[in-house]
Amino acid sequence: MKNSVGRITSDTSRPSHLFRFTLLLGHPKLERKLVRKLDAVVLLLTCELYLFAFLDRSNLGNFSNTRAQLLTVPPYAVAAVAMMIVSYISDRTQSRGLFMASASTIGGLGYLLLLVVQHNQSVRYFSIFLCCTGTYTTIGLTLSWFSHNLGSESKKAAGIPLFMMIGQCGSVLGTHAYPASEGPRYVKGLALCCAFEFLGALVCLVLTISFRLENARRGRVYGRPEEGKVVDTRELADKTPGFRYVP
């Protein structure tokens, strides 16, 4: 992964792993804000992943199981290609939040189409492409965004499992949002997905703005970091003066 301020050193030596773990949990501002907001994104989107599993037969029409499964292949294929392209561009530009907000908005528009268009199956099938592409692209970028901005290897080792554990709680809601009694329209499940996509986009915008403001503050206080210089994050992780967040 490209780093705009140079390489980050390995933290195989001092300080202790326990100290770094407390560094992750002990700061009242940026670390908790990072965990809260990015976990909010992944919590919303993992919920949508489970809801998305119900769309193939519930919202496209009265198809056989085999045909319904075949119809899910193109949306997943398009989503995979889109995720790789957007991830590459995001890495080259060293920006995550704006791409994630855009992708999540696209997913929200897809769910909105499913809510308002009831009889045009071509439009509804097109909306599945939007839902799948927006959701999976956002999740892929979220994982890289969170891990980079933790700063050091030990904070990543502590933060990533915590991040994934909280995020997977979305499956609890996701597996119960499409009860058979609400078919075939499933308004509640689709409305939840739609709201979560747009809420996720808002959270991404708020977080990227906060990172940009923090980077600007560090630039004023510490000056601009040298290109290609190794940033020693072993002691202070993302609090190191030369470290810059990926916005």
Protein backbone atom coordinates (compact mmCIF):
# COMPACT_ATOMS: atom_id res chain seq x y z
CA MET A 1 0.00 0.00 0.00
CA LYS A 2 1.36 3.37 -0.99
CA ASN A 3 2.11 5.76 1.86
CA SER A 4 2.06 9.50 1.22
CA VAL A 5 4.61 10.22 3.95
CA GLY A 6 6.97 7.30 3.47
CA ARG A 7 7.34 3.88 4.99
CA ILE A 8 6.21 3.01 8.48
CA THR A 9 8.73 1.16 10.60
CA SER A 10 8.07 -2.21 12.17
CA ASP A 11 7.35 -2.10 15.89
CA THR A 12 8.95 -5.40 16.84
CA SER A 13 10.84 -3.72 19.68
CA ARG A 14 9.84 -1.19 22.34
CA PRO A 15 7.38 -0.33 23.80
CA SER A 16 5.45 -3.35 25.11
CA HIS A 17 2.43 -4.77 23.30
CA LEU A 18 0.31 -4.11 26.41
CA PHE A 19 1.29 -0.45 26.27
CA ARG A 20 0.33 -0.21 22.62
CA PHE A 21 -3.02 -1.85 23.30
CA THR A 22 -3.74 0.67 26.03
CA LEU A 23 -2.63 3.36 23.59
CA LEU A 24 -5.38 2.20 21.27
CA LEU A 25 -8.09 2.27 23.93
CA GLY A 26 -6.86 5.01 26.21
CA HIS A 27 -7.02 8.15 24.09
CA PRO A 28 -10.36 9.91 24.36
CA LYS A 29 -10.38 11.60 20.96
CA LEU A 30 -9.01 10.35 17.64
CA GLU A 31 -8.64 6.63 18.39
CA ARG A 32 -12.13 6.28 19.80
CA LYS A 33 -13.54 8.47 17.05
CA LEU A 34 -11.82 6.32 14.44
CA VAL A 35 -13.14 3.08 15.94
CA ARG A 36 -16.65 4.42 16.52
CA LYS A 37 -17.17 5.94 13.11
CA LEU A 38 -15.56 3.24 11.00
CA ASP A 39 -17.31 0.56 13.04
CA ALA A 40 -20.55 2.41 12.35
CA VAL A 41 -19.82 2.11 8.63
CA VAL A 42 -18.94 -1.59 8.71
CA LEU A 43 -21.85 -2.34 11.09
CA LEU A 44 -24.30 -0.80 8.64
CA LEU A 45 -22.73 -2.47 5.62
CA THR A 46 -22.42 -5.96 7.09
CA CYS A 47 -26.11 -5.73 7.85
CA GLU A 48 -26.70 -4.93 4.18
CA LEU A 49 -24.63 -7.92 3.10
CA TYR A 50 -27.02 -10.26 4.87
CA LEU A 51 -30.04 -8.38 3.56
CA PHE A 52 -28.62 -8.53 0.05
CA ALA A 53 -28.68 -12.32 0.19
CA PHE A 54 -32.48 -12.18 0.16
CA LEU A 55 -32.81 -10.00 -2.93
CA ASP A 56 -32.30 -12.64 -5.59
CA ARG A 57 -35.68 -14.34 -5.23
CA SER A 58 -37.60 -11.79 -3.17
CA ASN A 59 -37.38 -8.76 -5.41
CA LEU A 60 -36.69 -9.72 -9.01
CA GLY A 61 -39.77 -11.74 -9.82
CA ASN A 62 -41.15 -15.26 -9.71
CA PHE A 63 -38.11 -17.14 -10.94
CA SER A 64 -36.95 -20.65 -10.21
CA ASN A 65 -34.20 -21.13 -7.67
CA THR A 66 -31.69 -21.99 -10.39
CA ARG A 67 -32.47 -18.96 -12.53
CA ALA A 68 -32.52 -16.69 -9.51
CA GLN A 69 -29.06 -17.87 -8.51
CA LEU A 70 -27.76 -17.36 -12.06
CA LEU A 71 -29.14 -13.82 -12.09
CA THR A 72 -27.00 -12.96 -9.07
CA VAL A 73 -23.75 -13.73 -10.93
CA PRO A 74 -23.55 -10.55 -13.09
CA PRO A 75 -24.09 -8.13 -10.14
CA TYR A 76 -21.37 -9.85 -8.13
CA ALA A 77 -19.01 -9.87 -11.12
CA VAL A 78 -19.55 -6.16 -11.79
CA ALA A 79 -19.10 -5.41 -8.08
CA ALA A 80 -15.80 -7.31 -8.00
CA VAL A 81 -14.41 -5.39 -10.98
CA ALA A 82 -15.65 -2.06 -9.64
CA MET A 83 -14.15 -2.73 -6.23
CA MET A 84 -10.72 -3.48 -7.70
CA ILE A 85 -10.76 -0.40 -9.94
CA VAL A 86 -11.94 1.96 -7.21
CA SER A 87 -9.50 0.47 -4.70
CA TYR A 88 -6.61 1.02 -7.11
CA ILE A 89 -7.59 4.64 -7.78
CA SER A 90 -8.16 5.21 -4.07
CA ASP A 91 -4.69 3.92 -3.27
CA ARG A 92 -3.04 6.01 -5.97
CA THR A 93 -4.76 9.17 -4.76
CA GLN A 94 -4.38 8.28 -1.06
CA SER A 95 -8.03 9.01 -0.40
CA ARG A 96 -10.68 6.71 1.05
CA GLY A 97 -13.60 8.66 2.49
CA LEU A 98 -14.78 10.38 -0.68
CA PHE A 99 -14.72 7.14 -2.65
CA MET A 100 -16.54 5.31 0.12
CA ALA A 101 -19.19 8.01 0.43
CA SER A 102 -19.74 7.92 -3.34
CA ALA A 103 -19.99 4.13 -3.43
CA SER A 104 -22.35 4.03 -0.47
CA THR A 105 -24.56 6.65 -2.12
CA ILE A 106 -24.72 4.51 -5.26
CA GLY A 107 -25.82 1.57 -3.13
CA GLY A 108 -28.45 3.72 -1.45
CA LEU A 109 -29.84 4.76 -4.84
CA GLY A 110 -30.10 1.08 -5.76
CA TYR A 111 -32.18 0.28 -2.70
CA LEU A 112 -34.28 3.39 -3.29
CA LEU A 113 -35.11 2.13 -6.78
CA LEU A 114 -36.17 -1.21 -5.32
CA LEU A 115 -38.53 0.63 -2.99
CA VAL A 116 -40.19 2.92 -5.52
CA VAL A 117 -40.20 0.78 -8.70
CA GLN A 118 -42.60 -2.12 -8.29
CA HIS A 119 -43.37 -3.53 -11.74
CA ASN A 120 -40.44 -2.83 -14.08
CA GLN A 121 -38.23 -5.87 -13.58
CA SER A 122 -35.44 -4.50 -15.80
CA VAL A 123 -35.09 -1.42 -13.59
CA ARG A 124 -35.24 -3.56 -10.46
CA TYR A 125 -32.52 -5.84 -11.80
CA PHE A 126 -30.37 -2.82 -12.63
CA SER A 127 -30.84 -1.63 -9.05
CA ILE A 128 -29.28 -4.88 -7.82
CA PHE A 129 -26.08 -3.92 -9.65
CA LEU A 130 -26.07 -0.58 -7.82
CA CYS A 131 -26.73 -2.20 -4.44
CA CYS A 132 -24.04 -4.83 -4.83
CA THR A 133 -21.40 -2.52 -6.30
CA GLY A 134 -21.92 0.21 -3.72
CA THR A 135 -21.94 -2.09 -0.72
CA TYR A 136 -18.95 -4.28 -1.55
CA THR A 137 -16.80 -1.40 -2.76
CA THR A 138 -17.39 0.49 0.47
CA ILE A 139 -16.58 -2.50 2.66
CA GLY A 140 -13.31 -3.20 0.83
CA LEU A 141 -12.16 0.38 1.27
CA THR A 142 -13.27 0.46 4.91
CA LEU A 143 -10.95 -2.40 5.84
CA SER A 144 -7.88 -0.74 4.32
CA TRP A 145 -8.83 2.71 5.67
CA PHE A 146 -9.14 1.51 9.23
CA SER A 147 -5.98 -0.61 9.27
CA HIS A 148 -3.73 2.11 7.80
CA ASN A 149 -4.89 4.86 10.12
CA LEU A 150 -4.13 2.88 13.27
CA GLY A 151 -0.48 3.67 12.62
CA SER A 152 1.52 0.79 14.10
CA GLU A 153 1.50 -2.98 13.75
CA SER A 154 0.51 -3.61 17.36
CA LYS A 155 -2.39 -1.17 17.25
CA LYS A 156 -3.55 -2.92 14.09
CA ALA A 157 -3.27 -6.30 15.82
CA ALA A 158 -5.50 -5.03 18.63
CA GLY A 159 -7.80 -2.79 16.62
CA ILE A 160 -8.65 -4.89 13.57
CA PRO A 161 -10.18 -7.85 15.50
CA LEU A 162 -12.15 -5.41 17.66
CA PHE A 163 -13.28 -3.59 14.54
CA MET A 164 -14.42 -6.79 12.82
CA MET A 165 -16.12 -8.12 15.96
CA ILE A 166 -18.27 -5.02 16.34
CA GLY A 167 -18.93 -4.81 12.63
CA GLN A 168 -20.23 -8.37 12.41
CA CYS A 169 -23.01 -7.49 14.84
CA GLY A 170 -24.81 -6.21 11.75
CA SER A 171 -25.55 -9.82 10.86
CA VAL A 172 -27.89 -10.08 13.86
CA LEU A 173 -30.22 -7.50 12.34
CA GLY A 174 -29.53 -8.48 8.76
CA THR A 175 -30.75 -12.05 9.14
CA HIS A 176 -34.09 -10.95 10.65
CA ALA A 177 -35.02 -7.98 8.48
CA TYR A 178 -36.75 -9.93 5.71
CA PRO A 179 -39.50 -11.98 7.43
CA ALA A 180 -41.63 -14.04 5.04
CA SER A 181 -44.74 -12.30 6.32
CA GLU A 182 -43.61 -9.04 4.69
CA GLY A 183 -43.10 -10.49 1.21
CA PRO A 184 -43.04 -9.96 -1.66
CA ARG A 185 -42.23 -6.23 -1.28
CA TYR A 186 -40.17 -6.42 1.93
CA VAL A 187 -40.47 -2.69 2.48
CA LYS A 188 -38.88 -2.72 5.93
CA GLY A 189 -35.77 -4.60 4.85
CA LEU A 190 -35.23 -2.47 1.76
CA ALA A 191 -35.85 0.73 3.70
CA LEU A 192 -33.26 -0.32 6.29
CA CYS A 193 -30.71 -0.97 3.57
CA CYS A 194 -31.44 2.33 1.88
CA ALA A 195 -31.17 4.29 5.13
CA PHE A 196 -27.97 2.49 6.15
CA GLU A 197 -26.30 3.22 2.82
CA PHE A 198 -26.99 6.94 3.02
CA LEU A 199 -26.08 7.06 6.71
CA GLY A 200 -22.82 5.27 5.93
CA ALA A 201 -22.05 7.86 3.26
CA LEU A 202 -22.62 10.64 5.79
CA VAL A 203 -20.33 8.98 8.35
CA CYS A 204 -17.60 8.62 5.71
CA LEU A 205 -17.82 12.31 4.85
CA VAL A 206 -17.64 13.35 8.50
CA LEU A 207 -14.64 11.10 9.12
CA THR A 208 -12.69 12.16 6.04
CA ILE A 209 -13.21 15.82 6.95
CA SER A 210 -11.96 15.18 10.49
CA PHE A 211 -8.83 13.43 9.15
CA ARG A 212 -8.12 16.26 6.72
CA LEU A 213 -8.46 18.81 9.51
CA GLU A 214 -6.12 16.81 11.75
CA ASN A 215 -3.56 16.47 8.94
CA ALA A 216 -3.72 20.22 8.36
CA ARG A 217 -3.24 20.88 12.08
CA ARG A 218 -0.15 18.65 12.17
CA GLY A 219 1.19 20.42 9.10
CA ARG A 220 0.90 23.76 10.86
CA VAL A 221 2.42 22.50 14.11
CA TYR A 222 5.13 20.11 12.87
CA GLY A 223 5.64 21.14 9.27
CA ARG A 224 5.28 19.07 6.14
CA PRO A 225 6.82 15.55 6.38
CA GLU A 226 9.64 14.71 4.01
CA GLU A 227 8.74 12.56 1.01
CA GLY A 228 10.09 9.03 1.29
CA LYS A 229 11.26 9.45 4.88
CA VAL A 230 10.74 6.48 7.18
CA VAL A 231 8.20 7.38 9.86
CA ASP A 232 9.02 5.74 13.19
CA THR A 233 5.63 4.88 14.69
CA ARG A 234 6.87 2.37 17.27
CA GLU A 235 6.26 4.53 20.31
CA LEU A 236 3.42 6.87 19.38
CA ALA A 237 1.76 5.01 16.48
CA ASP A 238 -0.57 7.42 14.68
CA LYS A 239 0.31 10.15 17.21
CA THR A 240 3.79 10.40 15.68
CA PRO A 241 4.30 13.98 14.39
CA GLY A 242 5.36 12.74 10.94
CA PHE A 243 2.38 10.42 10.53
CA ARG A 244 -0.51 11.56 8.35
CA TYR A 245 -3.93 9.95 8.20
CA VAL A 246 -5.34 8.78 4.90
CA PRO A 247 -8.50 10.91 4.59
